[in-house]
Structure formats: structure tokens, C-alpha cells
């Protein structure tokens, strides 16, 4: 068995353990230099936090372990197809490779697919179900981003 399969089996093991504890069946781990540096499970039900996904938990732990928000060189292994929020976070963190075991198609019969979210976010803002409004505004003093750039 290759390392990728071993890491996926570990992610599935985390998901199963979480499921048995009353959580959702998702687990993830972050690997750097062929070593697991962080793990996470889905804690939405335990915390009532809709962002408490396994991948995000693992990213937070990996950033703490490495002392940096830059996770370039790390690989994320997830039990299920990461949702768009998790994919965006991984992209922002510099992750270049994500490996997952169960697809959205596998999860769909159990209400565990995020395919509809991907479809919704692919639409132009004007066609999405959520109303998205951009109102440019000038605050007093220097522009917010300009202030950041000068800090």
C-alpha cells in the first residue's frame, strides 16, 4: 500500500471515530515532508459552527504546528470531497495538492454532497440565490487597504 492510500485510510478512520461520537463522517489530515502534522474532524454538530469542517480544523492545526499561515509544500488528505469553502481556504494557505476518498456522488444519497454549492457559486453574482451587493464607500482618512499597505 502506498503512502497516499495510508493517509486516506487515516482520514477515513478519523471520520469513522467522529461519526461514532455523534459527529459528521468527515476527517482530514495535513502532511508535510511525508509526516502527518495535523488532523481534524467535522465539528459542526458539536459546536453549531457551520464552518467547523475537518479540512479547516486540520489547516488551523497545521498553521499552528508550522508557525505560519503559509502551508506551501503540504498535502491535504480528506475522507470526502472538500466543499468550496475548504477548497478556497486550502488555496489561500498555499496547498497545491488535495487527495480525497469519497466523492460528492458517493455522498449525495446521504445528504453529504456539496455539488449544489459548487454549482451555485459558479453562477454570476446576479444569478445566485444570495443577494450580493457591492457599495463602494469612502471612509474618513486614508483608505482601509491603503492603510494596510502603509503599515
Protein backbone atom coordinates (compact mmCIF):
# COMPACT_ATOMS: atom_id res chain seq x y z
CA UNK A 1 0.00 0.00 0.00
CA UNK A 2 1.37 3.42 -0.92
CA UNK A 3 1.53 6.41 1.43
CA UNK A 4 -1.39 8.19 -0.23
CA UNK A 5 -3.64 5.21 0.48
CA UNK A 6 -2.38 5.06 4.07
CA UNK A 7 -3.12 8.75 4.59
CA UNK A 8 -6.61 8.37 3.12
CA UNK A 9 -7.30 5.41 5.38
CA UNK A 10 -6.22 7.57 8.35
CA UNK A 11 -8.64 10.32 7.23
CA UNK A 12 -11.42 7.73 6.96
CA UNK A 13 -10.51 6.38 10.41
CA UNK A 14 -10.80 9.91 11.84
CA UNK A 15 -14.19 10.30 10.12
CA UNK A 16 -15.46 6.98 11.49
CA UNK A 17 -14.35 7.83 15.01
CA UNK A 18 -16.08 11.21 14.71
CA UNK A 19 -19.25 9.53 13.42
CA UNK A 20 -19.28 7.15 16.39
CA UNK A 21 -19.01 10.16 18.72
CA UNK A 22 -22.09 11.74 17.14
CA UNK A 23 -20.33 13.91 14.57
CA UNK A 24 -20.50 14.03 10.81
CA UNK A 25 -18.42 11.48 8.85
CA UNK A 26 -15.52 13.68 7.78
CA UNK A 27 -11.86 13.60 8.70
CA UNK A 28 -8.77 15.27 7.26
CA UNK A 29 -5.05 15.43 7.78
CA UNK A 30 -2.22 17.65 6.63
CA UNK A 31 1.05 16.05 5.60
CA UNK A 32 4.38 17.88 5.32
CA UNK A 33 7.62 16.14 4.31
CA UNK A 34 5.79 12.80 4.41
CA UNK A 35 4.78 13.33 8.05
CA UNK A 36 1.28 13.95 9.43
CA UNK A 37 1.50 17.34 11.15
CA UNK A 38 -2.20 17.95 11.82
CA UNK A 39 -5.60 16.29 11.80
CA UNK A 40 -9.17 17.49 12.01
CA UNK A 41 -12.72 16.22 12.09
CA UNK A 42 -16.03 17.83 11.25
CA UNK A 43 -17.35 19.51 14.41
CA UNK A 44 -20.43 21.26 13.02
CA UNK A 45 -22.84 19.34 15.25
CA UNK A 46 -20.66 19.65 18.37
CA UNK A 47 -20.08 23.39 18.00
CA UNK A 48 -23.07 24.64 15.96
CA UNK A 49 -20.44 26.30 13.76
CA UNK A 50 -21.19 25.78 10.05
CA UNK A 51 -17.52 26.43 9.24
CA UNK A 52 -16.19 23.68 11.56
CA UNK A 53 -15.20 21.39 8.71
CA UNK A 54 -12.50 18.73 9.08
CA UNK A 55 -10.25 20.36 6.48
CA UNK A 56 -10.44 23.80 8.12
CA UNK A 57 -9.68 22.32 11.53
CA UNK A 58 -6.68 20.47 10.09
CA UNK A 59 -5.45 23.65 8.34
CA UNK A 60 -5.65 25.64 11.57
CA UNK A 61 -3.72 22.97 13.46
CA UNK A 62 -1.11 22.73 10.69
CA UNK A 63 -0.61 26.50 10.67
CA UNK A 64 -0.07 26.43 14.44
CA UNK A 65 2.33 23.47 14.13
CA UNK A 66 4.39 25.21 11.45
CA UNK A 67 4.04 28.68 12.96
CA UNK A 68 2.85 30.11 9.65
CA UNK A 69 -0.33 30.59 7.62
CA UNK A 70 1.68 29.52 4.55
CA UNK A 71 1.19 25.79 4.10
CA UNK A 72 3.05 25.55 0.79
CA UNK A 73 4.54 22.10 0.48
CA UNK A 74 1.76 20.46 2.49
CA UNK A 75 -0.78 17.99 1.13
CA UNK A 76 -4.31 17.62 2.50
CA UNK A 77 -5.91 14.18 2.67
CA UNK A 78 -9.66 14.17 3.27
CA UNK A 79 -12.22 11.43 3.72
CA UNK A 80 -14.71 13.27 1.48
CA UNK A 81 -14.76 15.72 -1.39
CA UNK A 82 -13.84 19.10 0.14
CA UNK A 83 -16.51 21.79 -0.16
CA UNK A 84 -15.86 25.12 -1.92
CA UNK A 85 -15.16 26.88 1.41
CA UNK A 86 -12.47 24.34 2.30
CA UNK A 87 -11.01 24.42 -1.22
CA UNK A 88 -10.79 28.22 -1.03
CA UNK A 89 -9.08 28.06 2.37
CA UNK A 90 -6.60 25.49 1.09
CA UNK A 91 -5.85 27.65 -1.94
CA UNK A 92 -5.29 30.72 0.27
CA UNK A 93 -2.99 28.64 2.52
CA UNK A 94 -0.84 27.62 -0.45
CA UNK A 95 -1.87 23.97 -0.60
CA UNK A 96 -1.07 22.60 -4.06
CA UNK A 97 -2.43 19.07 -3.68
CA UNK A 98 -5.61 17.65 -2.15
CA UNK A 99 -6.44 13.94 -2.14
CA UNK A 100 -9.88 12.66 -1.10
CA UNK A 101 -11.52 9.25 -0.82
CA UNK A 102 -15.30 9.70 -1.19
CA UNK A 103 -16.80 11.82 -3.98
CA UNK A 104 -19.81 14.11 -3.97
CA UNK A 105 -21.60 11.39 -5.94
CA UNK A 106 -20.85 8.91 -3.15
CA UNK A 107 -22.27 11.30 -0.56
CA UNK A 108 -25.34 12.50 -2.45
CA UNK A 109 -27.73 9.70 -1.37
CA UNK A 110 -26.93 10.56 2.26
CA UNK A 111 -27.20 14.35 2.00
CA UNK A 112 -23.41 14.70 2.15
CA UNK A 113 -22.71 16.25 -1.26
CA UNK A 114 -21.66 19.83 -1.83
CA UNK A 115 -22.12 19.64 -5.62
CA UNK A 116 -25.05 22.08 -5.44
CA UNK A 117 -22.87 24.62 -3.63
CA UNK A 118 -20.23 24.35 -6.37
CA UNK A 119 -22.97 24.87 -8.98
CA UNK A 120 -24.41 27.89 -7.17
CA UNK A 121 -21.03 29.58 -6.75
CA UNK A 122 -20.22 29.06 -10.44
CA UNK A 123 -23.10 31.38 -11.37
CA UNK A 124 -22.60 35.13 -11.82
CA UNK A 125 -23.45 37.08 -8.65
CA UNK A 126 -26.64 38.39 -10.25
CA UNK A 127 -27.95 34.84 -10.75
CA UNK A 128 -27.11 33.42 -7.31
CA UNK A 129 -29.80 32.79 -4.69
CA UNK A 130 -27.97 35.01 -2.17
CA UNK A 131 -28.20 38.74 -2.82
CA UNK A 132 -24.67 40.09 -3.17
CA UNK A 133 -24.28 43.88 -3.11
CA UNK A 134 -21.12 45.94 -3.60
CA UNK A 135 -21.39 49.51 -2.32
CA UNK A 136 -18.15 51.46 -2.70
CA UNK A 137 -17.82 53.86 0.22
CA UNK A 138 -15.21 56.33 1.29
CA UNK A 139 -14.42 56.43 4.98
CA UNK A 140 -12.76 59.33 6.70
CA UNK A 141 -8.99 59.39 6.34
CA UNK A 142 -6.81 57.02 4.41
CA UNK A 143 -8.41 54.12 2.54
CA UNK A 144 -8.52 50.90 4.52
CA UNK A 145 -6.35 48.90 2.11
CA UNK A 146 -4.01 51.83 1.62
CA UNK A 147 -3.56 51.95 5.41
CA UNK A 148 -2.75 48.21 5.37
CA UNK A 149 -0.20 48.79 2.58
CA UNK A 150 1.49 51.54 4.56
CA UNK A 151 1.59 49.63 7.86
